[in-house]
Amino acid sequence: MNIYTEMPPSQIAAEKKYFLSAIFKLLPYKQDNYEYLDNYFESVLQQLIGFNKLSGFQPETLTIISLLEYARQENDFKKYRKAILDACGTVGLIKESGTDV
């Protein structure tokens, strides 16, 4: 259970859509040698950590955080890309209500 109130599934769906977009941006940012890539990683990770707490500590969120931390340190673009795409895929597994399977 989350620490405030039951979040509406539509709000969690909107957050999932936001996270998917935010995480996917890490691919072109890496390819373009974006100057603030590490800051962007930090921002996305902070938001995920907060979301994790508010949404009741879903294991999928921890998996996404772990994949992003791995990617953050990875220099091989193929491995980086796989971690980012795996994180994007895992976003879809975040439950939007207590009854999701």
PDB file of N, CA and C in Angstrom:
ATOM      1  N   MET A   1       0.852  -1.182   0.000  1.00  0.00           N
ATOM      2  CA  MET A   1       0.000   0.000   0.000  1.00  0.00           C
ATOM      3  C   MET A   1       0.901   1.249   0.000  1.00  0.00           C
ATOM      4  N   ASN A   2       0.458   2.291  -0.675  1.00  0.00           N
ATOM      5  CA  ASN A   2       1.267   3.498  -0.714  1.00  0.00           C
ATOM      6  C   ASN A   2       1.101   4.290   0.570  1.00  0.00           C
ATOM      7  N   ILE A   3       1.926   5.297   0.781  1.00  0.00           N
ATOM      8  CA  ILE A   3       1.953   5.992   2.067  1.00  0.00           C
ATOM      9  C   ILE A   3       0.932   7.120   2.180  1.00  0.00           C
ATOM     10  N   TYR A   4       0.283   7.493   1.102  1.00  0.00           N
ATOM     11  CA  TYR A   4      -0.698   8.577   1.161  1.00  0.00           C
ATOM     12  C   TYR A   4      -2.107   8.018   1.041  1.00  0.00           C
ATOM     13  N   THR A   5      -2.569   7.845  -0.148  1.00  0.00           N
ATOM     14  CA  THR A   5      -3.877   7.255  -0.394  1.00  0.00           C
ATOM     15  C   THR A   5      -3.750   6.387  -1.635  1.00  0.00           C
ATOM     16  N   GLU A   6      -4.779   5.649  -1.900  1.00  0.00           N
ATOM     17  CA  GLU A   6      -4.767   4.833  -3.120  1.00  0.00           C
ATOM     18  C   GLU A   6      -4.705   5.758  -4.326  1.00  0.00           C
ATOM     19  N   MET A   7      -3.681   5.621  -5.131  1.00  0.00           N
ATOM     20  CA  MET A   7      -3.546   6.457  -6.319  1.00  0.00           C
ATOM     21  C   MET A   7      -4.464   5.917  -7.406  1.00  0.00           C
ATOM     22  N   PRO A   8      -5.144   6.803  -8.115  1.00  0.00           N
ATOM     23  CA  PRO A   8      -5.996   6.343  -9.214  1.00  0.00           C
ATOM     24  C   PRO A   8      -5.149   5.666 -10.294  1.00  0.00           C
ATOM     25  N   PRO A   9      -5.662   4.564 -10.849  1.00  0.00           N
ATOM     26  CA  PRO A   9      -4.918   3.878 -11.914  1.00  0.00           C
ATOM     27  C   PRO A   9      -4.546   4.816 -13.066  1.00  0.00           C
ATOM     28  N   SER A  10      -5.382   5.786 -13.363  1.00  0.00           N
ATOM     29  CA  SER A  10      -5.074   6.717 -14.452  1.00  0.00           C
ATOM     30  C   SER A  10      -3.833   7.551 -14.146  1.00  0.00           C
ATOM     31  N   GLN A  11      -3.636   7.878 -12.872  1.00  0.00           N
ATOM     32  CA  GLN A  11      -2.454   8.652 -12.490  1.00  0.00           C
ATOM     33  C   GLN A  11      -1.192   7.803 -12.625  1.00  0.00           C
ATOM     34  N   ILE A  12      -1.271   6.552 -12.229  1.00  0.00           N
ATOM     35  CA  ILE A  12      -0.114   5.670 -12.375  1.00  0.00           C
ATOM     36  C   ILE A  12       0.160   5.417 -13.854  1.00  0.00           C
ATOM     37  N   ALA A  13      -0.904   5.271 -14.658  1.00  0.00           N
ATOM     38  CA  ALA A  13      -0.724   5.086 -16.108  1.00  0.00           C
ATOM     39  C   ALA A  13      -0.012   6.293 -16.715  1.00  0.00           C
ATOM     40  N   ALA A  14      -0.366   7.479 -16.269  1.00  0.00           N
ATOM     41  CA  ALA A  14       0.287   8.700 -16.772  1.00  0.00           C
ATOM     42  C   ALA A  14       1.762   8.722 -16.354  1.00  0.00           C
ATOM     43  N   GLU A  15       2.056   8.299 -15.141  1.00  0.00           N
ATOM     44  CA  GLU A  15       3.447   8.252 -14.680  1.00  0.00           C
ATOM     45  C   GLU A  15       4.247   7.228 -15.487  1.00  0.00           C
ATOM     46  N   LYS A  16       3.634   6.099 -15.774  1.00  0.00           N
ATOM     47  CA  LYS A  16       4.307   5.084 -16.580  1.00  0.00           C
ATOM     48  C   LYS A  16       4.655   5.649 -17.959  1.00  0.00           C
ATOM     49  N   LYS A  17       3.725   6.359 -18.546  1.00  0.00           N
ATOM     50  CA  LYS A  17       3.960   6.963 -19.864  1.00  0.00           C
ATOM     51  C   LYS A  17       5.100   7.974 -19.785  1.00  0.00           C
ATOM     52  N   TYR A  18       5.104   8.775 -18.724  1.00  0.00           N
ATOM     53  CA  TYR A  18       6.185   9.756 -18.528  1.00  0.00           C
ATOM     54  C   TYR A  18       7.533   9.038 -18.379  1.00  0.00           C
ATOM     55  N   PHE A  19       7.588   8.014 -17.525  1.00  0.00           N
ATOM     56  CA  PHE A  19       8.847   7.307 -17.301  1.00  0.00           C
ATOM     57  C   PHE A  19       9.343   6.634 -18.579  1.00  0.00           C
ATOM     58  N   LEU A  20       8.437   6.057 -19.341  1.00  0.00           N
ATOM     59  CA  LEU A  20       8.832   5.429 -20.593  1.00  0.00           C
ATOM     60  C   LEU A  20       9.525   6.442 -21.503  1.00  0.00           C
ATOM     61  N   SER A  21       8.936   7.619 -21.633  1.00  0.00           N
ATOM     62  CA  SER A  21       9.512   8.675 -22.459  1.00  0.00           C
ATOM     63  C   SER A  21      10.852   9.159 -21.899  1.00  0.00           C
ATOM     64  N   ALA A  22      10.888   9.392 -20.590  1.00  0.00           N
ATOM     65  CA  ALA A  22      12.107   9.901 -19.950  1.00  0.00           C
ATOM     66  C   ALA A  22      13.261   8.911 -20.085  1.00  0.00           C
ATOM     67  N   ILE A  23      12.967   7.636 -19.924  1.00  0.00           N
ATOM     68  CA  ILE A  23      14.012   6.611 -20.011  1.00  0.00           C
ATOM     69  C   ILE A  23      14.472   6.442 -21.453  1.00  0.00           C
ATOM     70  N   PHE A  24      13.531   6.432 -22.384  1.00  0.00           N
ATOM     71  CA  PHE A  24      13.885   6.248 -23.786  1.00  0.00           C
ATOM     72  C   PHE A  24      14.803   7.374 -24.283  1.00  0.00           C
ATOM     73  N   LYS A  25      14.640   8.584 -23.751  1.00  0.00           N
ATOM     74  CA  LYS A  25      15.492   9.718 -24.149  1.00  0.00           C
ATOM     75  C   LYS A  25      16.966   9.461 -23.853  1.00  0.00           C
ATOM     76  N   LEU A  26      17.236   8.524 -22.955  1.00  0.00           N
ATOM     77  CA  LEU A  26      18.623   8.215 -22.619  1.00  0.00           C
ATOM     78  C   LEU A  26      19.395   7.634 -23.801  1.00  0.00           C
ATOM     79  N   LEU A  27      18.699   7.048 -24.756  1.00  0.00           N
ATOM     80  CA  LEU A  27      19.392   6.495 -25.938  1.00  0.00           C
ATOM     81  C   LEU A  27      19.986   7.595 -26.811  1.00  0.00           C
ATOM     82  N   PRO A  28      19.181   8.539 -27.314  1.00  0.00           N
ATOM     83  CA  PRO A  28      19.788   9.596 -28.135  1.00  0.00           C
ATOM     84  C   PRO A  28      20.719  10.492 -27.339  1.00  0.00           C
ATOM     85  N   TYR A  29      20.441  10.684 -26.051  1.00  0.00           N
ATOM     86  CA  TYR A  29      21.336  11.513 -25.239  1.00  0.00           C
ATOM     87  C   TYR A  29      22.728  10.903 -25.182  1.00  0.00           C
ATOM     88  N   LYS A  30      22.810   9.575 -25.060  1.00  0.00           N
ATOM     89  CA  LYS A  30      24.115   8.903 -25.023  1.00  0.00           C
ATOM     90  C   LYS A  30      24.796   8.994 -26.391  1.00  0.00           C
ATOM     91  N   GLN A  31      24.032   8.744 -27.458  1.00  0.00           N
ATOM     92  CA  GLN A  31      24.596   8.792 -28.811  1.00  0.00           C
ATOM     93  C   GLN A  31      25.121  10.181 -29.153  1.00  0.00           C
ATOM     94  N   ASP A  32      24.425  11.199 -28.675  1.00  0.00           N
ATOM     95  CA  ASP A  32      24.801  12.585 -28.973  1.00  0.00           C
ATOM     96  C   ASP A  32      25.796  13.153 -27.972  1.00  0.00           C
ATOM     97  N   ASN A  33      26.284  12.304 -27.052  1.00  0.00           N
ATOM     98  CA  ASN A  33      27.199  12.765 -26.003  1.00  0.00           C
ATOM     99  C   ASN A  33      26.657  13.992 -25.275  1.00  0.00           C
ATOM    100  N   TYR A  34      25.390  13.907 -24.902  1.00  0.00           N
ATOM    101  CA  TYR A  34      24.722  15.004 -24.192  1.00  0.00           C
ATOM    102  C   TYR A  34      25.525  15.391 -22.952  1.00  0.00           C
ATOM    103  N   GLU A  35      25.849  16.645 -22.866  1.00  0.00           N
ATOM    104  CA  GLU A  35      26.711  17.161 -21.805  1.00  0.00           C
ATOM    105  C   GLU A  35      26.174  16.881 -20.398  1.00  0.00           C
ATOM    106  N   TYR A  36      24.868  16.877 -20.252  1.00  0.00           N
ATOM    107  CA  TYR A  36      24.251  16.719 -18.937  1.00  0.00           C
ATOM    108  C   TYR A  36      23.611  15.343 -18.743  1.00  0.00           C
ATOM    109  N   LEU A  37      24.154  14.339 -19.431  1.00  0.00           N
ATOM    110  CA  LEU A  37      23.594  12.997 -19.351  1.00  0.00           C
ATOM    111  C   LEU A  37      23.555  12.484 -17.919  1.00  0.00           C
ATOM    112  N   ASP A  38      24.632  12.641 -17.184  1.00  0.00           N
ATOM    113  CA  ASP A  38      24.654  12.136 -15.807  1.00  0.00           C
ATOM    114  C   ASP A  38      23.621  12.861 -14.944  1.00  0.00           C
ATOM    115  N   ASN A  39      23.458  14.157 -15.137  1.00  0.00           N
ATOM    116  CA  ASN A  39      22.440  14.907 -14.396  1.00  0.00           C
ATOM    117  C   ASN A  39      21.039  14.410 -14.744  1.00  0.00           C
ATOM    118  N   TYR A  40      20.832  14.093 -16.022  1.00  0.00           N
ATOM    119  CA  TYR A  40      19.530  13.586 -16.455  1.00  0.00           C
ATOM    120  C   TYR A  40      19.259  12.228 -15.811  1.00  0.00           C
ATOM    121  N   PHE A  41      20.274  11.345 -15.812  1.00  0.00           N
ATOM    122  CA  PHE A  41      20.141  10.061 -15.125  1.00  0.00           C
ATOM    123  C   PHE A  41      19.739  10.293 -13.674  1.00  0.00           C
ATOM    124  N   GLU A  42      20.435  11.190 -13.000  1.00  0.00           N
ATOM    125  CA  GLU A  42      20.169  11.463 -11.592  1.00  0.00           C
ATOM    126  C   GLU A  42      18.726  11.913 -11.380  1.00  0.00           C
ATOM    127  N   SER A  43      18.244  12.774 -12.243  1.00  0.00           N
ATOM    128  CA  SER A  43      16.871  13.270 -12.140  1.00  0.00           C
ATOM    129  C   SER A  43      15.851  12.146 -12.314  1.00  0.00           C
ATOM    130  N   VAL A  44      16.042  11.328 -13.335  1.00  0.00           N
ATOM    131  CA  VAL A  44      15.112  10.221 -13.587  1.00  0.00           C
ATOM    132  C   VAL A  44      15.150   9.232 -12.422  1.00  0.00           C
ATOM    133  N   LEU A  45      16.331   8.921 -11.937  1.00  0.00           N
ATOM    134  CA  LEU A  45      16.454   7.992 -10.809  1.00  0.00           C
ATOM    135  C   LEU A  45      15.790   8.537  -9.551  1.00  0.00           C
ATOM    136  N   GLN A  46      15.952   9.817  -9.273  1.00  0.00           N
ATOM    137  CA  GLN A  46      15.297  10.419  -8.103  1.00  0.00           C
ATOM    138  C   GLN A  46      13.781  10.317  -8.214  1.00  0.00           C
ATOM    139  N   GLN A  47      13.259  10.585  -9.400  1.00  0.00           N
ATOM    140  CA  GLN A  47      11.816  10.488  -9.604  1.00  0.00           C
ATOM    141  C   GLN A  47      11.327   9.052  -9.428  1.00  0.00           C
ATOM    142  N   LEU A  48      12.081   8.098  -9.932  1.00  0.00           N
ATOM    143  CA  LEU A  48      11.709   6.690  -9.777  1.00  0.00           C
ATOM    144  C   LEU A  48      11.732   6.261  -8.309  1.00  0.00           C
ATOM    145  N   ILE A  49      12.719   6.735  -7.572  1.00  0.00           N
ATOM    146  CA  ILE A  49      12.808   6.395  -6.143  1.00  0.00           C
ATOM    147  C   ILE A  49      11.602   6.957  -5.396  1.00  0.00           C
ATOM    148  N   GLY A  50      11.231   8.185  -5.704  1.00  0.00           N
ATOM    149  CA  GLY A  50      10.046   8.777  -5.083  1.00  0.00           C
ATOM    150  C   GLY A  50       8.776   8.042  -5.477  1.00  0.00           C
ATOM    151  N   PHE A  51       8.641   7.727  -6.760  1.00  0.00           N
ATOM    152  CA  PHE A  51       7.476   6.988  -7.243  1.00  0.00           C
ATOM    153  C   PHE A  51       7.400   5.625  -6.565  1.00  0.00           C
ATOM    154  N   ASN A  52       8.542   4.973  -6.421  1.00  0.00           N
ATOM    155  CA  ASN A  52       8.589   3.658  -5.786  1.00  0.00           C
ATOM    156  C   ASN A  52       8.002   3.723  -4.375  1.00  0.00           C
ATOM    157  N   LYS A  53       8.388   4.720  -3.634  1.00  0.00           N
ATOM    158  CA  LYS A  53       7.883   4.875  -2.264  1.00  0.00           C
ATOM    159  C   LYS A  53       6.379   5.150  -2.267  1.00  0.00           C
ATOM    160  N   LEU A  54       5.946   6.051  -3.132  1.00  0.00           N
ATOM    161  CA  LEU A  54       4.537   6.430  -3.174  1.00  0.00           C
ATOM    162  C   LEU A  54       3.629   5.324  -3.700  1.00  0.00           C
ATOM    163  N   SER A  55       4.171   4.467  -4.560  1.00  0.00           N
ATOM    164  CA  SER A  55       3.344   3.433  -5.174  1.00  0.00           C
ATOM    165  C   SER A  55       3.420   2.092  -4.446  1.00  0.00           C
ATOM    166  N   GLY A  56       4.010   2.076  -3.284  1.00  0.00           N
ATOM    167  CA  GLY A  56       4.005   0.855  -2.476  1.00  0.00           C
ATOM    168  C   GLY A  56       5.159  -0.089  -2.741  1.00  0.00           C
ATOM    169  N   PHE A  57       6.287   0.446  -3.194  1.00  0.00           N
ATOM    170  CA  PHE A  57       7.509  -0.341  -3.363  1.00  0.00           C
ATOM    171  C   PHE A  57       7.298  -1.549  -4.274  1.00  0.00           C
ATOM    172  N   GLN A  58       6.906  -1.284  -5.495  1.00  0.00           N
ATOM    173  CA  GLN A  58       6.723  -2.352  -6.472  1.00  0.00           C
ATOM    174  C   GLN A  58       8.081  -2.878  -6.944  1.00  0.00           C
ATOM    175  N   PRO A  59       8.247  -4.186  -7.013  1.00  0.00           N
ATOM    176  CA  PRO A  59       9.549  -4.749  -7.419  1.00  0.00           C
ATOM    177  C   PRO A  59       9.967  -4.329  -8.829  1.00  0.00           C
ATOM    178  N   GLU A  60       9.011  -4.077  -9.706  1.00  0.00           N
ATOM    179  CA  GLU A  60       9.339  -3.652 -11.068  1.00  0.00           C
ATOM    180  C   GLU A  60      10.099  -2.326 -11.062  1.00  0.00           C
ATOM    181  N   THR A  61       9.728  -1.442 -10.157  1.00  0.00           N
ATOM    182  CA  THR A  61      10.395  -0.147 -10.075  1.00  0.00           C
ATOM    183  C   THR A  61      11.850  -0.320  -9.652  1.00  0.00           C
ATOM    184  N   LEU A  62      12.094  -1.215  -8.737  1.00  0.00           N
ATOM    185  CA  LEU A  62      13.471  -1.493  -8.315  1.00  0.00           C
ATOM    186  C   LEU A  62      14.289  -2.077  -9.468  1.00  0.00           C
ATOM    187  N   THR A  63      13.665  -2.917 -10.282  1.00  0.00           N
ATOM    188  CA  THR A  63      14.346  -3.466 -11.455  1.00  0.00           C
ATOM    189  C   THR A  63      14.732  -2.352 -12.423  1.00  0.00           C
ATOM    190  N   ILE A  64      13.824  -1.408 -12.648  1.00  0.00           N
ATOM    191  CA  ILE A  64      14.106  -0.275 -13.539  1.00  0.00           C
ATOM    192  C   ILE A  64      15.273   0.543 -12.988  1.00  0.00           C
ATOM    193  N   ILE A  65      15.243   0.843 -11.710  1.00  0.00           N
ATOM    194  CA  ILE A  65      16.321   1.606 -11.068  1.00  0.00           C
ATOM    195  C   ILE A  65      17.653   0.873 -11.242  1.00  0.00           C
ATOM    196  N   SER A  66      17.651  -0.435 -11.033  1.00  0.00           N
ATOM    197  CA  SER A  66      18.878  -1.234 -11.171  1.00  0.00           C
ATOM    198  C   SER A  66      19.410  -1.209 -12.598  1.00  0.00           C
ATOM    199  N   LEU A  67      18.514  -1.357 -13.564  1.00  0.00           N
ATOM    200  CA  LEU A  67      18.932  -1.308 -14.970  1.00  0.00           C
ATOM    201  C   LEU A  67      19.520   0.049 -15.333  1.00  0.00           C
ATOM    202  N   LEU A  68      18.910   1.110 -14.833  1.00  0.00           N
ATOM    203  CA  LEU A  68      19.416   2.448 -15.141  1.00  0.00           C
ATOM    204  C   LEU A  68      20.766   2.702 -14.478  1.00  0.00           C
ATOM    205  N   GLU A  69      20.941   2.226 -13.259  1.00  0.00           N
ATOM    206  CA  GLU A  69      22.245   2.377 -12.592  1.00  0.00           C
ATOM    207  C   GLU A  69      23.319   1.615 -13.361  1.00  0.00           C
ATOM    208  N   TYR A  70      22.974   0.436 -13.867  1.00  0.00           N
ATOM    209  CA  TYR A  70      23.921  -0.324 -14.683  1.00  0.00           C
ATOM    210  C   TYR A  70      24.270   0.461 -15.948  1.00  0.00           C
ATOM    211  N   ALA A  71      23.234   0.925 -16.654  1.00  0.00           N
ATOM    212  CA  ALA A  71      23.452   1.648 -17.909  1.00  0.00           C
ATOM    213  C   ALA A  71      24.294   2.897 -17.687  1.00  0.00           C
ATOM    214  N   ARG A  72      24.054   3.552 -16.595  1.00  0.00           N
ATOM    215  CA  ARG A  72      24.760   4.801 -16.270  1.00  0.00           C
ATOM    216  C   ARG A  72      26.271   4.616 -16.281  1.00  0.00           C
ATOM    217  N   GLN A  73      26.738   3.427 -15.896  1.00  0.00           N
ATOM    218  CA  GLN A  73      28.173   3.153 -15.803  1.00  0.00           C
ATOM    219  C   GLN A  73      28.719   2.421 -17.025  1.00  0.00           C
ATOM    220  N   GLU A  74      27.836   2.038 -17.952  1.00  0.00           N
ATOM    221  CA  GLU A  74      28.241   1.208 -19.092  1.00  0.00           C
ATOM    222  C   GLU A  74      28.769   2.039 -20.250  1.00  0.00           C
ATOM    223  N   ASN A  75      29.935   1.663 -20.771  1.00  0.00           N
ATOM    224  CA  ASN A  75      30.530   2.360 -21.912  1.00  0.00           C
ATOM    225  C   ASN A  75      30.244   1.681 -23.245  1.00  0.00           C
ATOM    226  N   ASP A  76      29.949   0.383 -23.217  1.00  0.00           N
ATOM    227  CA  ASP A  76      29.623  -0.364 -24.431  1.00  0.00           C
ATOM    228  C   ASP A  76      28.187  -0.010 -24.820  1.00  0.00           C
ATOM    229  N   PHE A  77      28.027   0.654 -25.981  1.00  0.00           N
ATOM    230  CA  PHE A  77      26.701   1.155 -26.348  1.00  0.00           C
ATOM    231  C   PHE A  77      25.686   0.035 -26.539  1.00  0.00           C
ATOM    232  N   LYS A  78      26.097  -1.134 -27.017  1.00  0.00           N
ATOM    233  CA  LYS A  78      25.153  -2.244 -27.182  1.00  0.00           C
ATOM    234  C   LYS A  78      24.593  -2.689 -25.833  1.00  0.00           C
ATOM    235  N   LYS A  79      25.444  -2.772 -24.838  1.00  0.00           N
ATOM    236  CA  LYS A  79      24.993  -3.159 -23.490  1.00  0.00           C
ATOM    237  C   LYS A  79      24.152  -2.044 -22.875  1.00  0.00           C
ATOM    238  N   TYR A  80      24.567  -0.807 -23.087  1.00  0.00           N
ATOM    239  CA  TYR A  80      23.823   0.364 -22.608  1.00  0.00           C
ATOM    240  C   TYR A  80      22.409   0.345 -23.199  1.00  0.00           C
ATOM    241  N   ARG A  81      22.343   0.164 -24.516  1.00  0.00           N
ATOM    242  CA  ARG A  81      21.056   0.160 -25.215  1.00  0.00           C
ATOM    243  C   ARG A  81      20.157  -0.944 -24.689  1.00  0.00           C
ATOM    244  N   LYS A  82      20.707  -2.139 -24.489  1.00  0.00           N
ATOM    245  CA  LYS A  82      19.910  -3.257 -23.977  1.00  0.00           C
ATOM    246  C   LYS A  82      19.356  -2.928 -22.601  1.00  0.00           C
ATOM    247  N   ALA A  83      20.167  -2.369 -21.731  1.00  0.00           N
ATOM    248  CA  ALA A  83      19.701  -2.025 -20.383  1.00  0.00           C
ATOM    249  C   ALA A  83      18.585  -0.981 -20.446  1.00  0.00           C
ATOM    250  N   ILE A  84      18.740   0.022 -21.307  1.00  0.00           N
ATOM    251  CA  ILE A  84      17.718   1.062 -21.437  1.00  0.00           C
ATOM    252  C   ILE A  84      16.428   0.463 -21.988  1.00  0.00           C
ATOM    253  N   LEU A  85      16.535  -0.362 -23.017  1.00  0.00           N
ATOM    254  CA  LEU A  85      15.332  -0.979 -23.596  1.00  0.00           C
ATOM    255  C   LEU A  85      14.677  -1.952 -22.616  1.00  0.00           C
ATOM    256  N   ASP A  86      15.475  -2.673 -21.841  1.00  0.00           N
ATOM    257  CA  ASP A  86      14.915  -3.547 -20.805  1.00  0.00           C
ATOM    258  C   ASP A  86      14.172  -2.720 -19.749  1.00  0.00           C
ATOM    259  N   ALA A  87      14.745  -1.578 -19.389  1.00  0.00           N
ATOM    260  CA  ALA A  87      14.079  -0.690 -18.421  1.00  0.00           C
ATOM    261  C   ALA A  87      12.758  -0.194 -18.992  1.00  0.00           C
ATOM    262  N   CYS A  88      12.763   0.183 -20.271  1.00  0.00           N
ATOM    263  CA  CYS A  88      11.518   0.635 -20.913  1.00  0.00           C
ATOM    264  C   CYS A  88      10.472  -0.473 -20.892  1.00  0.00           C
ATOM    265  N   GLY A  89      10.885  -1.694 -21.188  1.00  0.00           N
ATOM    266  CA  GLY A  89       9.958  -2.821 -21.166  1.00  0.00           C
ATOM    267  C   GLY A  89       9.401  -3.093 -19.786  1.00  0.00           C
ATOM    268  N   THR A  90      10.213  -2.886 -18.779  1.00  0.00           N
ATOM    269  CA  THR A  90       9.786  -3.143 -17.405  1.00  0.00           C
ATOM    270  C   THR A  90       8.796  -2.087 -16.923  1.00  0.00           C
ATOM    271  N   VAL A  91       8.862  -0.894 -17.467  1.00  0.00           N
ATOM    272  CA  VAL A  91       7.888   0.151 -17.099  1.00  0.00           C
ATOM    273  C   VAL A  91       6.469  -0.364 -17.320  1.00  0.00           C
ATOM    274  N   GLY A  92       6.262  -1.094 -18.407  1.00  0.00           N
ATOM    275  CA  GLY A  92       4.935  -1.626 -18.701  1.00  0.00           C
ATOM    276  C   GLY A  92       4.433  -2.630 -17.683  1.00  0.00           C
ATOM    277  N   LEU A  93       5.322  -3.184 -16.874  1.00  0.00           N
ATOM    278  CA  LEU A  93       4.941  -4.177 -15.871  1.00  0.00           C
ATOM    279  C   LEU A  93       4.516  -3.561 -14.540  1.00  0.00           C
ATOM    280  N   ILE A  94       4.723  -2.262 -14.383  1.00  0.00           N
ATOM    281  CA  ILE A  94       4.316  -1.597 -13.141  1.00  0.00           C
ATOM    282  C   ILE A  94       2.799  -1.696 -13.010  1.00  0.00           C
ATOM    283  N   LYS A  95       2.367  -2.130 -11.853  1.00  0.00           N
ATOM    284  CA  LYS A  95       0.931  -2.305 -11.602  1.00  0.00           C
ATOM    285  C   LYS A  95       0.253  -0.953 -11.421  1.00  0.00           C
ATOM    286  N   GLU A  96      -0.936  -0.828 -12.001  1.00  0.00           N
ATOM    287  CA  GLU A  96      -1.698   0.411 -11.895  1.00  0.00           C
ATOM    288  C   GLU A  96      -2.736   0.354 -10.792  1.00  0.00           C
ATOM    289  N   SER A  97      -2.944  -0.824 -10.250  1.00  0.00           N
ATOM    290  CA  SER A  97      -3.861  -0.967  -9.112  1.00  0.00           C
ATOM    291  C   SER A  97      -3.460  -2.207  -8.350  1.00  0.00           C
ATOM    292  N   GLY A  98      -4.027  -2.383  -7.178  1.00  0.00           N
ATOM    293  CA  GLY A  98      -3.718  -3.534  -6.344  1.00  0.00           C
ATOM    294  C   GLY A  98      -4.204  -4.846  -6.927  1.00  0.00           C
ATOM    295  N   THR A  99      -5.035  -4.782  -7.963  1.00  0.00           N
ATOM    296  CA  THR A  99      -5.593  -5.996  -8.537  1.00  0.00           C
ATOM    297  C   THR A  99      -4.928  -6.398  -9.844  1.00  0.00           C
ATOM    298  N   ASP A 100      -3.953  -5.615 -10.326  1.00  0.00           N
ATOM    299  CA  ASP A 100      -3.252  -5.987 -11.561  1.00  0.00           C
ATOM    300  C   ASP A 100      -2.520  -7.299 -11.359  1.00  0.00           C
ATOM    301  N   VAL A 101      -2.455  -8.087 -12.397  1.00  0.00           N
ATOM    302  CA  VAL A 101      -1.745  -9.365 -12.318  1.00  0.00           C
ATOM    303  C   VAL A 101      -0.422  -9.277 -13.024  1.00  0.00           C
TER     304      VAL A 101
END
